[in-house]
Amino acid sequence: MVDEALAATMNDCAIDFPSGNSEVEATGLETLPSGRYRRTAVGGGTFRAGVQTTCRTRFRPGVNPGR
C-alpha cells in the first residue's frame, strides 16, 4: 500500500531490474530498521511508509520436479 507521494517510485520498483541490481538504490529509497522484526522497512529521505507488512514462512510445500 502506498500513498500518492510514493506511487511513482513504487511503479519504478516494478521494472525488471537485472539480477543483483537493487531497486531500492536505483529509485533513491532507503531501508530503515523495522523494530519488531529483523527485516528492514522502506523509506526515503523524510518519507516513512505508513503501512508495513511482514510474512513468516510456516511451511514449504514439496515441488514435483516433473511439473
N, C-alpha and C. Protein backbone atom coordinates (compact mmCIF):
# COMPACT_ATOMS: atom_id res chain seq x y z
N MET A 1 0.84 -1.16 0.00
CA MET A 1 0.00 0.00 0.00
C MET A 1 0.89 1.24 0.00
N VAL A 2 0.65 2.15 -0.91
CA VAL A 2 1.42 3.39 -0.95
C VAL A 2 0.48 4.57 -1.13
N ASP A 3 0.97 5.73 -0.71
CA ASP A 3 0.17 6.94 -0.94
C ASP A 3 0.63 7.60 -2.24
N GLU A 4 -0.04 8.69 -2.63
CA GLU A 4 0.28 9.34 -3.90
C GLU A 4 1.73 9.82 -3.97
N ALA A 5 2.27 10.26 -2.85
CA ALA A 5 3.64 10.78 -2.84
C ALA A 5 4.66 9.71 -3.23
N LEU A 6 4.35 8.46 -3.00
CA LEU A 6 5.30 7.38 -3.27
C LEU A 6 4.92 6.52 -4.48
N ALA A 7 3.76 6.77 -5.08
CA ALA A 7 3.25 5.92 -6.16
C ALA A 7 4.21 5.80 -7.34
N ALA A 8 4.76 6.89 -7.82
CA ALA A 8 5.66 6.84 -8.98
C ALA A 8 6.92 6.04 -8.66
N THR A 9 7.47 6.21 -7.47
CA THR A 9 8.67 5.48 -7.08
C THR A 9 8.37 3.99 -6.97
N MET A 10 7.23 3.63 -6.44
CA MET A 10 6.87 2.21 -6.32
C MET A 10 6.67 1.60 -7.70
N ASN A 11 6.11 2.36 -8.65
CA ASN A 11 6.00 1.87 -10.03
C ASN A 11 7.38 1.64 -10.63
N ASP A 12 8.33 2.53 -10.34
CA ASP A 12 9.69 2.35 -10.83
C ASP A 12 10.31 1.07 -10.28
N CYS A 13 9.94 0.69 -9.06
CA CYS A 13 10.47 -0.54 -8.46
C CYS A 13 9.97 -1.79 -9.18
N ALA A 14 8.91 -1.67 -9.97
CA ALA A 14 8.35 -2.82 -10.69
C ALA A 14 9.09 -3.12 -11.98
N ILE A 15 10.05 -2.27 -12.35
CA ILE A 15 10.85 -2.52 -13.55
C ILE A 15 11.62 -3.83 -13.38
N ASP A 16 11.82 -4.55 -14.43
CA ASP A 16 12.57 -5.81 -14.37
C ASP A 16 14.06 -5.50 -14.30
N PHE A 17 14.55 -5.29 -13.10
CA PHE A 17 15.97 -4.99 -12.89
C PHE A 17 16.80 -6.24 -13.11
N PRO A 18 18.01 -6.08 -13.65
CA PRO A 18 18.90 -7.23 -13.79
C PRO A 18 19.23 -7.82 -12.42
N SER A 19 19.49 -9.10 -12.40
CA SER A 19 19.84 -9.77 -11.15
C SER A 19 21.02 -9.06 -10.49
N GLY A 20 20.91 -8.83 -9.20
CA GLY A 20 21.98 -8.17 -8.47
C GLY A 20 21.82 -6.66 -8.37
N ASN A 21 20.92 -6.06 -9.16
CA ASN A 21 20.67 -4.62 -9.08
C ASN A 21 19.56 -4.36 -8.07
N SER A 22 19.77 -3.39 -7.21
CA SER A 22 18.80 -3.08 -6.16
C SER A 22 17.85 -1.98 -6.61
N GLU A 23 16.54 -2.29 -6.60
CA GLU A 23 15.57 -1.24 -6.92
C GLU A 23 15.53 -0.18 -5.83
N VAL A 24 15.87 -0.55 -4.62
CA VAL A 24 15.92 0.43 -3.52
C VAL A 24 16.97 1.49 -3.84
N GLU A 25 18.16 1.06 -4.22
CA GLU A 25 19.22 2.02 -4.58
C GLU A 25 18.89 2.78 -5.85
N ALA A 26 18.36 2.10 -6.86
CA ALA A 26 18.09 2.73 -8.15
C ALA A 26 17.02 3.82 -8.06
N THR A 27 16.08 3.69 -7.14
CA THR A 27 14.99 4.65 -7.03
C THR A 27 15.22 5.69 -5.94
N GLY A 28 16.32 5.60 -5.22
CA GLY A 28 16.62 6.59 -4.19
C GLY A 28 15.94 6.33 -2.86
N LEU A 29 15.32 5.16 -2.71
CA LEU A 29 14.74 4.81 -1.42
C LEU A 29 15.85 4.40 -0.47
N GLU A 30 15.52 4.23 0.76
CA GLU A 30 16.48 3.72 1.73
C GLU A 30 15.77 2.75 2.66
N THR A 31 16.54 1.89 3.29
CA THR A 31 15.94 0.96 4.24
C THR A 31 16.12 1.51 5.65
N LEU A 32 15.17 1.19 6.48
CA LEU A 32 15.15 1.65 7.86
C LEU A 32 14.89 0.46 8.77
N PRO A 33 15.35 0.50 10.01
CA PRO A 33 15.02 -0.60 10.93
C PRO A 33 13.51 -0.69 11.09
N SER A 34 12.97 -1.90 11.15
CA SER A 34 11.52 -2.04 11.27
C SER A 34 11.06 -2.24 12.71
N GLY A 35 11.95 -2.48 13.61
CA GLY A 35 11.56 -2.59 15.01
C GLY A 35 11.41 -4.03 15.47
N ARG A 36 10.22 -4.57 15.36
CA ARG A 36 9.92 -5.88 15.92
C ARG A 36 10.61 -7.03 15.18
N TYR A 37 10.76 -6.89 13.86
CA TYR A 37 11.30 -7.98 13.05
C TYR A 37 12.69 -7.64 12.55
N ARG A 38 13.43 -8.67 12.13
CA ARG A 38 14.79 -8.44 11.64
C ARG A 38 14.83 -7.83 10.25
N ARG A 39 13.74 -7.86 9.52
CA ARG A 39 13.70 -7.29 8.18
C ARG A 39 13.71 -5.76 8.26
N THR A 40 14.04 -5.13 7.16
CA THR A 40 14.07 -3.68 7.12
C THR A 40 12.79 -3.13 6.52
N ALA A 41 12.49 -1.89 6.85
CA ALA A 41 11.35 -1.19 6.27
C ALA A 41 11.88 -0.31 5.15
N VAL A 42 10.98 0.16 4.28
CA VAL A 42 11.38 1.03 3.17
C VAL A 42 11.03 2.46 3.52
N GLY A 43 11.97 3.35 3.27
CA GLY A 43 11.75 4.78 3.49
C GLY A 43 12.51 5.54 2.44
N GLY A 44 12.52 6.84 2.53
CA GLY A 44 13.29 7.63 1.59
C GLY A 44 13.32 9.07 2.04
N GLY A 45 14.46 9.54 2.49
CA GLY A 45 14.56 10.91 2.98
C GLY A 45 13.63 11.11 4.17
N THR A 46 12.67 12.00 4.01
CA THR A 46 11.74 12.26 5.11
C THR A 46 10.54 11.32 5.06
N PHE A 47 10.45 10.48 4.04
CA PHE A 47 9.32 9.57 3.90
C PHE A 47 9.50 8.35 4.79
N ARG A 48 8.45 7.94 5.43
CA ARG A 48 8.41 6.65 6.13
C ARG A 48 7.06 6.02 5.80
N ALA A 49 7.10 4.76 5.37
CA ALA A 49 5.87 4.08 4.98
C ALA A 49 4.87 4.07 6.12
N GLY A 50 3.61 4.36 5.80
CA GLY A 50 2.57 4.34 6.82
C GLY A 50 2.10 2.94 7.14
N VAL A 51 2.36 1.99 6.24
CA VAL A 51 1.94 0.61 6.44
C VAL A 51 3.12 -0.30 6.11
N GLN A 52 3.31 -1.31 6.93
CA GLN A 52 4.33 -2.31 6.65
C GLN A 52 3.68 -3.68 6.78
N THR A 53 4.09 -4.59 5.92
CA THR A 53 3.61 -5.95 6.03
C THR A 53 4.81 -6.87 6.22
N THR A 54 4.60 -7.93 6.94
CA THR A 54 5.66 -8.89 7.20
C THR A 54 5.09 -10.29 7.01
N CYS A 55 5.88 -11.15 6.40
CA CYS A 55 5.46 -12.53 6.18
C CYS A 55 6.35 -13.47 6.99
N ARG A 56 5.78 -14.56 7.41
CA ARG A 56 6.54 -15.58 8.11
C ARG A 56 6.29 -16.90 7.39
N THR A 57 7.35 -17.64 7.10
CA THR A 57 7.21 -18.94 6.44
C THR A 57 6.81 -19.97 7.48
N ARG A 58 5.67 -20.61 7.27
CA ARG A 58 5.21 -21.65 8.19
C ARG A 58 5.57 -23.04 7.67
N PHE A 59 5.55 -23.21 6.37
CA PHE A 59 5.96 -24.47 5.77
C PHE A 59 6.31 -24.23 4.31
N ARG A 60 7.06 -25.12 3.74
CA ARG A 60 7.40 -25.07 2.32
C ARG A 60 6.91 -26.38 1.69
N PRO A 61 5.91 -26.27 0.85
CA PRO A 61 5.41 -27.50 0.22
C PRO A 61 6.45 -28.08 -0.75
N GLY A 62 6.45 -29.37 -0.86
CA GLY A 62 7.35 -30.02 -1.80
C GLY A 62 6.97 -29.66 -3.23
N VAL A 63 7.95 -29.62 -4.10
CA VAL A 63 7.70 -29.30 -5.51
C VAL A 63 8.04 -30.54 -6.34
N ASN A 64 7.13 -30.91 -7.20
CA ASN A 64 7.35 -32.04 -8.08
C ASN A 64 8.23 -31.60 -9.23
N PRO A 65 9.46 -32.10 -9.35
CA PRO A 65 10.35 -31.65 -10.43
C PRO A 65 9.82 -31.96 -11.82
N GLY A 66 8.85 -32.87 -11.95
CA GLY A 66 8.29 -33.19 -13.24
C GLY A 66 7.19 -32.25 -13.69
N ARG A 67 6.85 -31.27 -12.89
CA ARG A 67 5.78 -30.33 -13.25
C ARG A 67 6.27 -29.25 -14.15
